[in-house]
Amino acid sequence: MAELTDHQIDLALERGAAATREEPRASAVRFDRKARRIVVDLRNGCSFAFPPALVPDLATAVDADLATPEILGNGYGLHWEKLDVDISLPGLMAELSGTSTYLASRAGSARSSAKSAAARTNGLKGGRPRKAG
């Protein structure tokens, strides 16, 4: 049983290393007062900047509170202590790029013969079951 546990730990470490390499992780973050932008440098050498007005929790913050951003964990998130705000970096990037909105608009819109056949079969059974409660 110990070998299975060691193997599971090794796999988890491999997944963590892959996530660190592949997912956007912050190496630095700062507030540019002149441009009124939050600038995030990523470990892969890329950078991006965004106006705080695009993030509801930061939209009404004053410059003094925005001036002290911190990196959370292993670069996975951003934190503002004075504002008590934590933001997931992958979520922020998806939201700012419109990816999450685009994906939400496309959810369930795929068409295939298999999906059509399943819908017909389900319809013959009375359709989708009603939600409880």
C-alpha atoms as a PDB file:
ATOM      1  CA  MET A   1       0.000   0.000   0.000  1.00  0.00           C
ATOM      2  CA  ALA A   2       2.925   2.385   0.695  1.00  0.00           C
ATOM      3  CA  GLU A   3       4.088   2.041  -2.931  1.00  0.00           C
ATOM      4  CA  LEU A   4       0.680   3.174  -4.157  1.00  0.00           C
ATOM      5  CA  THR A   5       0.845   6.197  -1.871  1.00  0.00           C
ATOM      6  CA  ASP A   6       4.378   7.050  -3.026  1.00  0.00           C
ATOM      7  CA  HIS A   7       3.242   6.715  -6.639  1.00  0.00           C
ATOM      8  CA  GLN A   8       0.268   9.005  -5.996  1.00  0.00           C
ATOM      9  CA  ILE A   9       2.557  11.582  -4.386  1.00  0.00           C
ATOM     10  CA  ASP A  10       4.934  11.428  -7.350  1.00  0.00           C
ATOM     11  CA  LEU A  11       2.036  11.955  -9.775  1.00  0.00           C
ATOM     12  CA  ALA A  12       0.747  14.887  -7.738  1.00  0.00           C
ATOM     13  CA  LEU A  13       4.208  16.472  -7.731  1.00  0.00           C
ATOM     14  CA  GLU A  14       4.423  16.034 -11.504  1.00  0.00           C
ATOM     15  CA  ARG A  15       0.999  17.670 -11.964  1.00  0.00           C
ATOM     16  CA  GLY A  16       2.069  20.559  -9.727  1.00  0.00           C
ATOM     17  CA  ALA A  17       5.285  21.067 -11.684  1.00  0.00           C
ATOM     18  CA  ALA A  18       3.352  21.002 -14.971  1.00  0.00           C
ATOM     19  CA  ALA A  19       0.852  23.555 -13.641  1.00  0.00           C
ATOM     20  CA  THR A  20       3.707  25.838 -12.571  1.00  0.00           C
ATOM     21  CA  ARG A  21       5.196  25.640 -16.083  1.00  0.00           C
ATOM     22  CA  GLU A  22       1.965  25.935 -18.055  1.00  0.00           C
ATOM     23  CA  GLU A  23      -0.420  28.137 -16.071  1.00  0.00           C
ATOM     24  CA  PRO A  24      -0.054  31.897 -15.807  1.00  0.00           C
ATOM     25  CA  ARG A  25       1.875  32.631 -12.604  1.00  0.00           C
ATOM     26  CA  ALA A  26       2.856  36.081 -11.408  1.00  0.00           C
ATOM     27  CA  SER A  27       6.481  36.905 -10.698  1.00  0.00           C
ATOM     28  CA  ALA A  28       5.824  40.587  -9.892  1.00  0.00           C
ATOM     29  CA  VAL A  29       2.879  42.970  -9.546  1.00  0.00           C
ATOM     30  CA  ARG A  30       2.745  46.738  -9.118  1.00  0.00           C
ATOM     31  CA  PHE A  31       0.370  49.657  -9.433  1.00  0.00           C
ATOM     32  CA  ASP A  32       1.389  52.255 -12.037  1.00  0.00           C
ATOM     33  CA  ARG A  33      -0.088  55.486 -10.629  1.00  0.00           C
ATOM     34  CA  LYS A  34       0.625  57.562 -13.734  1.00  0.00           C
ATOM     35  CA  ALA A  35      -1.168  55.163 -16.101  1.00  0.00           C
ATOM     36  CA  ARG A  36      -3.587  54.046 -13.350  1.00  0.00           C
ATOM     37  CA  ARG A  37      -2.984  50.430 -14.292  1.00  0.00           C
ATOM     38  CA  ILE A  38      -2.083  47.310 -12.387  1.00  0.00           C
ATOM     39  CA  VAL A  39       0.887  45.684 -14.097  1.00  0.00           C
ATOM     40  CA  VAL A  40       1.499  41.949 -13.699  1.00  0.00           C
ATOM     41  CA  ASP A  41       4.726  40.290 -14.833  1.00  0.00           C
ATOM     42  CA  LEU A  42       4.418  36.562 -15.484  1.00  0.00           C
ATOM     43  CA  ARG A  43       7.054  33.886 -14.961  1.00  0.00           C
ATOM     44  CA  ASN A  44       7.103  33.113 -18.677  1.00  0.00           C
ATOM     45  CA  GLY A  45       8.404  36.619 -19.457  1.00  0.00           C
ATOM     46  CA  CYS A  46       5.067  38.116 -20.518  1.00  0.00           C
ATOM     47  CA  SER A  47       3.403  41.075 -18.839  1.00  0.00           C
ATOM     48  CA  PHE A  48      -0.078  42.509 -18.907  1.00  0.00           C
ATOM     49  CA  ALA A  49      -1.738  45.574 -17.439  1.00  0.00           C
ATOM     50  CA  PHE A  50      -5.334  46.409 -16.663  1.00  0.00           C
ATOM     51  CA  PRO A  51      -7.260  49.337 -15.220  1.00  0.00           C
ATOM     52  CA  PRO A  52      -8.683  48.601 -11.759  1.00  0.00           C
ATOM     53  CA  ALA A  53     -12.076  49.862 -12.973  1.00  0.00           C
ATOM     54  CA  LEU A  54     -12.498  46.579 -14.879  1.00  0.00           C
ATOM     55  CA  VAL A  55     -12.463  44.562 -11.640  1.00  0.00           C
ATOM     56  CA  PRO A  56     -15.537  45.216  -9.475  1.00  0.00           C
ATOM     57  CA  ASP A  57     -13.683  44.734  -6.165  1.00  0.00           C
ATOM     58  CA  LEU A  58     -11.031  47.266  -7.236  1.00  0.00           C
ATOM     59  CA  ALA A  59     -13.175  49.724  -9.202  1.00  0.00           C
ATOM     60  CA  THR A  60     -13.750  52.249  -6.407  1.00  0.00           C
ATOM     61  CA  ALA A  61     -10.399  51.834  -4.654  1.00  0.00           C
ATOM     62  CA  VAL A  62      -8.160  54.850  -4.183  1.00  0.00           C
ATOM     63  CA  ASP A  63      -4.575  54.897  -5.443  1.00  0.00           C
ATOM     64  CA  ALA A  64      -3.114  54.508  -1.948  1.00  0.00           C
ATOM     65  CA  ASP A  65      -4.979  51.205  -1.467  1.00  0.00           C
ATOM     66  CA  LEU A  66      -4.108  49.934  -4.941  1.00  0.00           C
ATOM     67  CA  ALA A  67      -0.418  50.712  -4.420  1.00  0.00           C
ATOM     68  CA  THR A  68       0.274  47.646  -2.276  1.00  0.00           C
ATOM     69  CA  PRO A  69      -0.589  44.534  -4.307  1.00  0.00           C
ATOM     70  CA  GLU A  70       0.908  41.202  -3.254  1.00  0.00           C
ATOM     71  CA  ILE A  71       1.340  37.873  -4.994  1.00  0.00           C
ATOM     72  CA  LEU A  72      -0.541  34.957  -3.464  1.00  0.00           C
ATOM     73  CA  GLY A  73       0.839  31.470  -3.089  1.00  0.00           C
ATOM     74  CA  ASN A  74       2.933  30.266  -5.961  1.00  0.00           C
ATOM     75  CA  GLY A  75       1.999  33.219  -8.183  1.00  0.00           C
ATOM     76  CA  TYR A  76      -1.532  31.964  -8.689  1.00  0.00           C
ATOM     77  CA  GLY A  77      -3.322  35.020  -7.346  1.00  0.00           C
ATOM     78  CA  LEU A  78      -3.151  38.682  -6.384  1.00  0.00           C
ATOM     79  CA  HIS A  79      -4.009  40.204  -3.001  1.00  0.00           C
ATOM     80  CA  TRP A  80      -4.699  43.682  -1.633  1.00  0.00           C
ATOM     81  CA  GLU A  81      -4.570  43.629   2.166  1.00  0.00           C
ATOM     82  CA  LYS A  82      -6.119  47.084   2.714  1.00  0.00           C
ATOM     83  CA  LEU A  83      -9.049  46.177   0.451  1.00  0.00           C
ATOM     84  CA  ASP A  84      -9.359  42.546   1.618  1.00  0.00           C
ATOM     85  CA  VAL A  85      -9.409  41.498  -2.044  1.00  0.00           C
ATOM     86  CA  ASP A  86      -8.011  38.268  -3.499  1.00  0.00           C
ATOM     87  CA  ILE A  87      -8.094  37.597  -7.232  1.00  0.00           C
ATOM     88  CA  SER A  88      -7.290  34.396  -9.119  1.00  0.00           C
ATOM     89  CA  LEU A  89      -4.816  35.212 -11.879  1.00  0.00           C
ATOM     90  CA  PRO A  90      -6.175  32.669 -14.419  1.00  0.00           C
ATOM     91  CA  GLY A  91      -9.733  33.827 -13.687  1.00  0.00           C
ATOM     92  CA  LEU A  92      -8.756  37.475 -14.033  1.00  0.00           C
ATOM     93  CA  MET A  93      -7.016  36.855 -17.347  1.00  0.00           C
ATOM     94  CA  ALA A  94      -9.977  34.888 -18.705  1.00  0.00           C
ATOM     95  CA  GLU A  95     -12.417  37.581 -17.627  1.00  0.00           C
ATOM     96  CA  LEU A  96     -10.336  40.458 -18.999  1.00  0.00           C
ATOM     97  CA  SER A  97      -9.785  38.725 -22.331  1.00  0.00           C
ATOM     98  CA  GLY A  98     -13.469  37.875 -22.667  1.00  0.00           C
ATOM     99  CA  THR A  99     -12.714  34.142 -22.704  1.00  0.00           C
ATOM    100  CA  SER A 100     -15.076  33.281 -19.848  1.00  0.00           C
ATOM    101  CA  THR A 101     -17.916  35.296 -21.406  1.00  0.00           C
ATOM    102  CA  TYR A 102     -17.290  33.705 -24.791  1.00  0.00           C
ATOM    103  CA  LEU A 103     -17.194  30.198 -23.336  1.00  0.00           C
ATOM    104  CA  ALA A 104     -20.374  30.825 -21.331  1.00  0.00           C
ATOM    105  CA  SER A 105     -22.141  32.019 -24.491  1.00  0.00           C
ATOM    106  CA  ARG A 106     -21.068  28.870 -26.325  1.00  0.00           C
ATOM    107  CA  ALA A 107     -21.973  26.395 -23.568  1.00  0.00           C
ATOM    108  CA  GLY A 108     -24.384  23.804 -24.873  1.00  0.00           C
ATOM    109  CA  SER A 109     -24.390  25.193 -28.393  1.00  0.00           C
ATOM    110  CA  ALA A 110     -22.405  22.356 -29.969  1.00  0.00           C
ATOM    111  CA  ARG A 111     -24.381  20.362 -32.522  1.00  0.00           C
ATOM    112  CA  SER A 112     -23.676  16.808 -33.492  1.00  0.00           C
ATOM    113  CA  SER A 113     -25.632  13.796 -34.661  1.00  0.00           C
ATOM    114  CA  ALA A 114     -24.880  12.066 -31.353  1.00  0.00           C
ATOM    115  CA  LYS A 115     -26.218  15.039 -29.361  1.00  0.00           C
ATOM    116  CA  SER A 116     -29.351  15.215 -31.532  1.00  0.00           C
ATOM    117  CA  ALA A 117     -29.970  11.481 -31.145  1.00  0.00           C
ATOM    118  CA  ALA A 118     -29.539  11.709 -27.367  1.00  0.00           C
ATOM    119  CA  ALA A 119     -31.991  14.630 -27.225  1.00  0.00           C
ATOM    120  CA  ARG A 120     -34.581  12.654 -29.244  1.00  0.00           C
ATOM    121  CA  THR A 121     -34.154   9.602 -26.998  1.00  0.00           C
ATOM    122  CA  ASN A 122     -34.458  11.764 -23.903  1.00  0.00           C
ATOM    123  CA  GLY A 123     -37.572  13.407 -25.341  1.00  0.00           C
ATOM    124  CA  LEU A 124     -39.214   9.993 -25.836  1.00  0.00           C
ATOM    125  CA  LYS A 125     -38.617   9.321 -22.150  1.00  0.00           C
ATOM    126  CA  GLY A 126     -40.446  12.499 -21.183  1.00  0.00           C
ATOM    127  CA  GLY A 127     -37.565  14.963 -21.430  1.00  0.00           C
ATOM    128  CA  ARG A 128     -35.259  16.101 -18.685  1.00  0.00           C
ATOM    129  CA  PRO A 129     -36.268  15.214 -15.159  1.00  0.00           C
ATOM    130  CA  ARG A 130     -37.604  18.130 -13.153  1.00  0.00           C
ATOM    131  CA  LYS A 131     -35.286  19.629 -10.572  1.00  0.00           C
ATOM    132  CA  ALA A 132     -36.177  18.756  -7.002  1.00  0.00           C
ATOM    133  CA  GLY A 133     -37.169  21.543  -4.648  1.00  0.00           C
END
